[in-house]
Amino acid sequence: MTGMSEQDDWERDFDHRWANAAEHKEPSARARMLAARWKDNPPDPVPFRAAPDRVAPRRSSWISTVVVLGCVAVVIVLLGYAQTRAYR
């Protein structure tokens, strides 16, 4: 008897191939809601990448370069100093 119920369940399973082959596919609830909303009041066009409202001022790239090179120079000097102190 369990064999029959398993076979019935198998036959009742949803067939994805059948659903994908349907001629008419109903839009999602969100698509229907937006279509109804935009019917009377369409949205304004928006560029693909909208410019931000406020852009923070950029610092000069030279300042960053000087800070990085300064840190590298300080590390080199400290390593050289530590190495000369180790030989004494």
N, C-alpha and C. Protein backbone atom coordinates (compact mmCIF):
# COMPACT_ATOMS: atom_id res chain seq x y z
N MET A 1 0.82 -1.19 0.00
CA MET A 1 0.00 0.00 0.00
C MET A 1 0.86 1.26 0.00
N THR A 2 2.03 1.17 0.67
CA THR A 2 2.91 2.33 0.65
C THR A 2 3.45 2.59 -0.75
N GLY A 3 3.59 1.52 -1.54
CA GLY A 3 4.06 1.67 -2.91
C GLY A 3 3.10 2.50 -3.74
N MET A 4 1.81 2.33 -3.51
CA MET A 4 0.81 3.08 -4.27
C MET A 4 0.86 4.57 -3.91
N SER A 5 1.00 4.89 -2.62
CA SER A 5 1.00 6.29 -2.22
C SER A 5 2.25 7.00 -2.73
N GLU A 6 3.38 6.30 -2.76
CA GLU A 6 4.59 6.91 -3.31
C GLU A 6 4.44 7.19 -4.79
N GLN A 7 3.79 6.27 -5.50
CA GLN A 7 3.58 6.47 -6.92
C GLN A 7 2.62 7.64 -7.16
N ASP A 8 1.59 7.78 -6.33
CA ASP A 8 0.66 8.90 -6.45
C ASP A 8 1.38 10.21 -6.19
N ASP A 9 2.24 10.23 -5.16
CA ASP A 9 3.01 11.45 -4.87
C ASP A 9 3.91 11.80 -6.05
N TRP A 10 4.50 10.78 -6.65
CA TRP A 10 5.40 11.01 -7.80
C TRP A 10 4.62 11.63 -8.95
N GLU A 11 3.42 11.14 -9.20
CA GLU A 11 2.61 11.67 -10.28
C GLU A 11 2.11 13.08 -9.99
N ARG A 12 1.92 13.41 -8.73
CA ARG A 12 1.43 14.73 -8.35
C ARG A 12 2.55 15.76 -8.26
N ASP A 13 3.79 15.31 -8.33
CA ASP A 13 4.92 16.25 -8.25
C ASP A 13 4.81 17.30 -9.34
N PHE A 14 5.30 18.46 -9.04
CA PHE A 14 5.24 19.57 -10.00
C PHE A 14 6.25 19.33 -11.12
N ASP A 15 5.82 19.45 -12.35
CA ASP A 15 6.68 19.21 -13.50
C ASP A 15 7.21 20.56 -14.00
N HIS A 16 8.48 20.84 -13.77
CA HIS A 16 9.08 22.12 -14.16
C HIS A 16 9.12 22.30 -15.67
N ARG A 17 9.33 21.21 -16.39
CA ARG A 17 9.34 21.33 -17.86
C ARG A 17 7.99 21.79 -18.37
N TRP A 18 6.92 21.26 -17.78
CA TRP A 18 5.58 21.65 -18.19
C TRP A 18 5.33 23.12 -17.87
N ALA A 19 5.79 23.58 -16.70
CA ALA A 19 5.58 24.97 -16.30
C ALA A 19 6.40 25.92 -17.17
N ASN A 20 7.62 25.56 -17.50
CA ASN A 20 8.46 26.43 -18.33
C ASN A 20 7.96 26.49 -19.76
N ALA A 21 7.23 25.48 -20.20
CA ALA A 21 6.71 25.47 -21.56
C ALA A 21 5.39 26.23 -21.69
N ALA A 22 4.88 26.76 -20.61
CA ALA A 22 3.59 27.48 -20.66
C ALA A 22 3.71 28.70 -21.57
N GLU A 23 2.64 28.94 -22.32
CA GLU A 23 2.65 30.08 -23.24
C GLU A 23 2.50 31.40 -22.50
N HIS A 24 1.71 31.41 -21.45
CA HIS A 24 1.48 32.64 -20.69
C HIS A 24 2.05 32.46 -19.29
N LYS A 25 2.88 33.41 -18.89
CA LYS A 25 3.44 33.36 -17.55
C LYS A 25 2.99 34.60 -16.80
N GLU A 26 2.44 34.41 -15.65
CA GLU A 26 1.91 35.52 -14.85
C GLU A 26 3.07 36.27 -14.20
N PRO A 27 3.04 37.62 -14.25
CA PRO A 27 4.12 38.38 -13.60
C PRO A 27 4.03 38.25 -12.08
N SER A 28 5.13 38.55 -11.45
CA SER A 28 5.17 38.46 -9.99
C SER A 28 4.29 39.54 -9.37
N ALA A 29 4.02 39.40 -8.09
CA ALA A 29 3.19 40.39 -7.39
C ALA A 29 3.85 41.76 -7.41
N ARG A 30 5.16 41.80 -7.25
CA ARG A 30 5.86 43.09 -7.27
C ARG A 30 5.76 43.74 -8.66
N ALA A 31 5.89 42.95 -9.71
CA ALA A 31 5.78 43.49 -11.07
C ALA A 31 4.38 44.04 -11.31
N ARG A 32 3.36 43.34 -10.84
CA ARG A 32 1.99 43.82 -10.99
C ARG A 32 1.77 45.11 -10.21
N MET A 33 2.33 45.17 -8.98
CA MET A 33 2.17 46.37 -8.15
C MET A 33 2.84 47.57 -8.82
N LEU A 34 4.07 47.38 -9.32
CA LEU A 34 4.77 48.50 -9.96
C LEU A 34 4.08 48.92 -11.24
N ALA A 35 3.58 47.98 -12.00
CA ALA A 35 2.87 48.33 -13.23
C ALA A 35 1.63 49.15 -12.92
N ALA A 36 0.89 48.78 -11.88
CA ALA A 36 -0.30 49.53 -11.50
C ALA A 36 0.07 50.93 -11.00
N ARG A 37 1.15 51.02 -10.24
CA ARG A 37 1.59 52.32 -9.71
C ARG A 37 2.09 53.23 -10.82
N TRP A 38 2.81 52.68 -11.77
CA TRP A 38 3.41 53.49 -12.83
C TRP A 38 2.45 53.79 -13.97
N LYS A 39 1.28 53.17 -13.96
CA LYS A 39 0.31 53.40 -15.04
C LYS A 39 -0.08 54.88 -15.08
N ASP A 40 -0.40 55.44 -13.92
CA ASP A 40 -0.82 56.85 -13.84
C ASP A 40 0.32 57.79 -13.55
N ASN A 41 1.36 57.30 -12.89
CA ASN A 41 2.46 58.17 -12.45
C ASN A 41 3.79 57.48 -12.77
N PRO A 42 4.27 57.57 -14.02
CA PRO A 42 5.52 56.88 -14.37
C PRO A 42 6.71 57.51 -13.65
N PRO A 43 7.72 56.71 -13.35
CA PRO A 43 8.90 57.23 -12.64
C PRO A 43 9.74 58.12 -13.56
N ASP A 44 10.49 59.01 -12.95
CA ASP A 44 11.40 59.87 -13.70
C ASP A 44 12.57 59.03 -14.21
N PRO A 45 13.12 59.38 -15.37
CA PRO A 45 14.29 58.63 -15.85
C PRO A 45 15.48 58.84 -14.93
N VAL A 46 16.22 57.78 -14.71
CA VAL A 46 17.39 57.82 -13.83
C VAL A 46 18.59 57.36 -14.64
N PRO A 47 19.71 58.10 -14.59
CA PRO A 47 20.90 57.65 -15.31
C PRO A 47 21.41 56.34 -14.72
N PHE A 48 22.17 55.61 -15.53
CA PHE A 48 22.69 54.31 -15.09
C PHE A 48 23.50 54.44 -13.81
N ARG A 49 24.40 55.39 -13.78
CA ARG A 49 25.18 55.65 -12.57
C ARG A 49 24.97 57.10 -12.18
N ALA A 50 24.05 57.30 -11.28
CA ALA A 50 23.73 58.65 -10.86
C ALA A 50 24.89 59.23 -10.05
N ALA A 51 25.13 60.53 -10.23
CA ALA A 51 26.17 61.21 -9.48
C ALA A 51 25.71 61.35 -8.03
N PRO A 52 26.60 61.13 -7.08
CA PRO A 52 26.21 61.30 -5.68
C PRO A 52 25.87 62.77 -5.40
N ASP A 53 25.02 62.98 -4.40
CA ASP A 53 24.60 64.34 -4.08
C ASP A 53 25.77 65.21 -3.62
N ARG A 54 26.58 64.67 -2.75
CA ARG A 54 27.69 65.45 -2.19
C ARG A 54 28.95 64.61 -2.26
N VAL A 55 29.98 65.18 -2.84
CA VAL A 55 31.25 64.49 -2.97
C VAL A 55 32.23 65.12 -1.98
N ALA A 56 32.89 64.28 -1.20
CA ALA A 56 33.89 64.78 -0.24
C ALA A 56 35.08 65.33 -1.01
N PRO A 57 35.66 66.41 -0.52
CA PRO A 57 36.83 66.97 -1.21
C PRO A 57 38.00 65.99 -1.17
N ARG A 58 38.68 65.85 -2.31
CA ARG A 58 39.81 64.93 -2.39
C ARG A 58 41.08 65.64 -1.98
N ARG A 59 41.89 64.92 -1.25
CA ARG A 59 43.21 65.45 -0.92
C ARG A 59 44.11 65.21 -2.11
N SER A 60 45.16 65.95 -2.14
CA SER A 60 46.12 65.79 -3.22
C SER A 60 46.78 64.42 -3.09
N SER A 61 47.00 63.78 -4.22
CA SER A 61 47.65 62.47 -4.18
C SER A 61 49.11 62.61 -3.76
N TRP A 62 49.67 63.80 -3.90
CA TRP A 62 51.06 64.02 -3.47
C TRP A 62 51.21 63.87 -1.97
N ILE A 63 50.21 64.28 -1.23
CA ILE A 63 50.28 64.18 0.23
C ILE A 63 50.37 62.71 0.64
N SER A 64 49.54 61.88 0.04
CA SER A 64 49.58 60.45 0.36
C SER A 64 50.92 59.84 -0.03
N THR A 65 51.44 60.22 -1.19
CA THR A 65 52.72 59.70 -1.64
C THR A 65 53.84 60.09 -0.69
N VAL A 66 53.85 61.32 -0.27
CA VAL A 66 54.89 61.80 0.65
C VAL A 66 54.80 61.09 1.99
N VAL A 67 53.59 60.87 2.48
CA VAL A 67 53.42 60.18 3.77
C VAL A 67 53.93 58.74 3.66
N VAL A 68 53.58 58.04 2.59
CA VAL A 68 54.02 56.64 2.43
C VAL A 68 55.53 56.56 2.28
N LEU A 69 56.09 57.40 1.42
CA LEU A 69 57.55 57.38 1.24
C LEU A 69 58.28 57.79 2.52
N GLY A 70 57.71 58.73 3.26
CA GLY A 70 58.31 59.13 4.54
C GLY A 70 58.33 57.98 5.53
N CYS A 71 57.23 57.23 5.59
CA CYS A 71 57.18 56.08 6.51
C CYS A 71 58.19 55.01 6.10
N VAL A 72 58.32 54.77 4.80
CA VAL A 72 59.29 53.79 4.32
C VAL A 72 60.70 54.25 4.68
N ALA A 73 61.00 55.54 4.50
CA ALA A 73 62.33 56.06 4.83
C ALA A 73 62.62 55.93 6.32
N VAL A 74 61.62 56.21 7.16
CA VAL A 74 61.82 56.09 8.61
C VAL A 74 62.09 54.64 8.98
N VAL A 75 61.38 53.69 8.38
CA VAL A 75 61.60 52.28 8.68
C VAL A 75 62.99 51.86 8.25
N ILE A 76 63.44 52.30 7.08
CA ILE A 76 64.79 51.96 6.61
C ILE A 76 65.85 52.52 7.55
N VAL A 77 65.67 53.76 7.96
CA VAL A 77 66.64 54.38 8.88
C VAL A 77 66.66 53.65 10.21
N LEU A 78 65.48 53.31 10.75
CA LEU A 78 65.43 52.61 12.03
C LEU A 78 66.05 51.22 11.94
N LEU A 79 65.81 50.51 10.83
CA LEU A 79 66.42 49.19 10.66
C LEU A 79 67.94 49.31 10.53
N GLY A 80 68.40 50.30 9.81
CA GLY A 80 69.85 50.51 9.69
C GLY A 80 70.47 50.86 11.03
N TYR A 81 69.80 51.70 11.80
CA TYR A 81 70.31 52.08 13.12
C TYR A 81 70.34 50.87 14.05
N ALA A 82 69.27 50.06 14.01
CA ALA A 82 69.23 48.88 14.88
C ALA A 82 70.31 47.87 14.47
N GLN A 83 70.61 47.78 13.18
CA GLN A 83 71.62 46.84 12.72
C GLN A 83 73.01 47.31 13.14
N THR A 84 73.28 48.61 13.06
CA THR A 84 74.59 49.10 13.49
C THR A 84 74.74 49.00 14.99
N ARG A 85 73.69 49.13 15.75
CA ARG A 85 73.77 48.99 17.21
C ARG A 85 74.03 47.54 17.60
N ALA A 86 73.57 46.58 16.79
CA ALA A 86 73.73 45.16 17.10
C ALA A 86 75.19 44.74 16.94
N TYR A 87 75.97 45.41 16.06
CA TYR A 87 77.36 45.05 15.84
C TYR A 87 78.29 45.64 16.89
N ARG A 88 77.86 46.53 17.69
CA ARG A 88 78.75 47.15 18.70
C ARG A 88 78.97 46.28 19.87
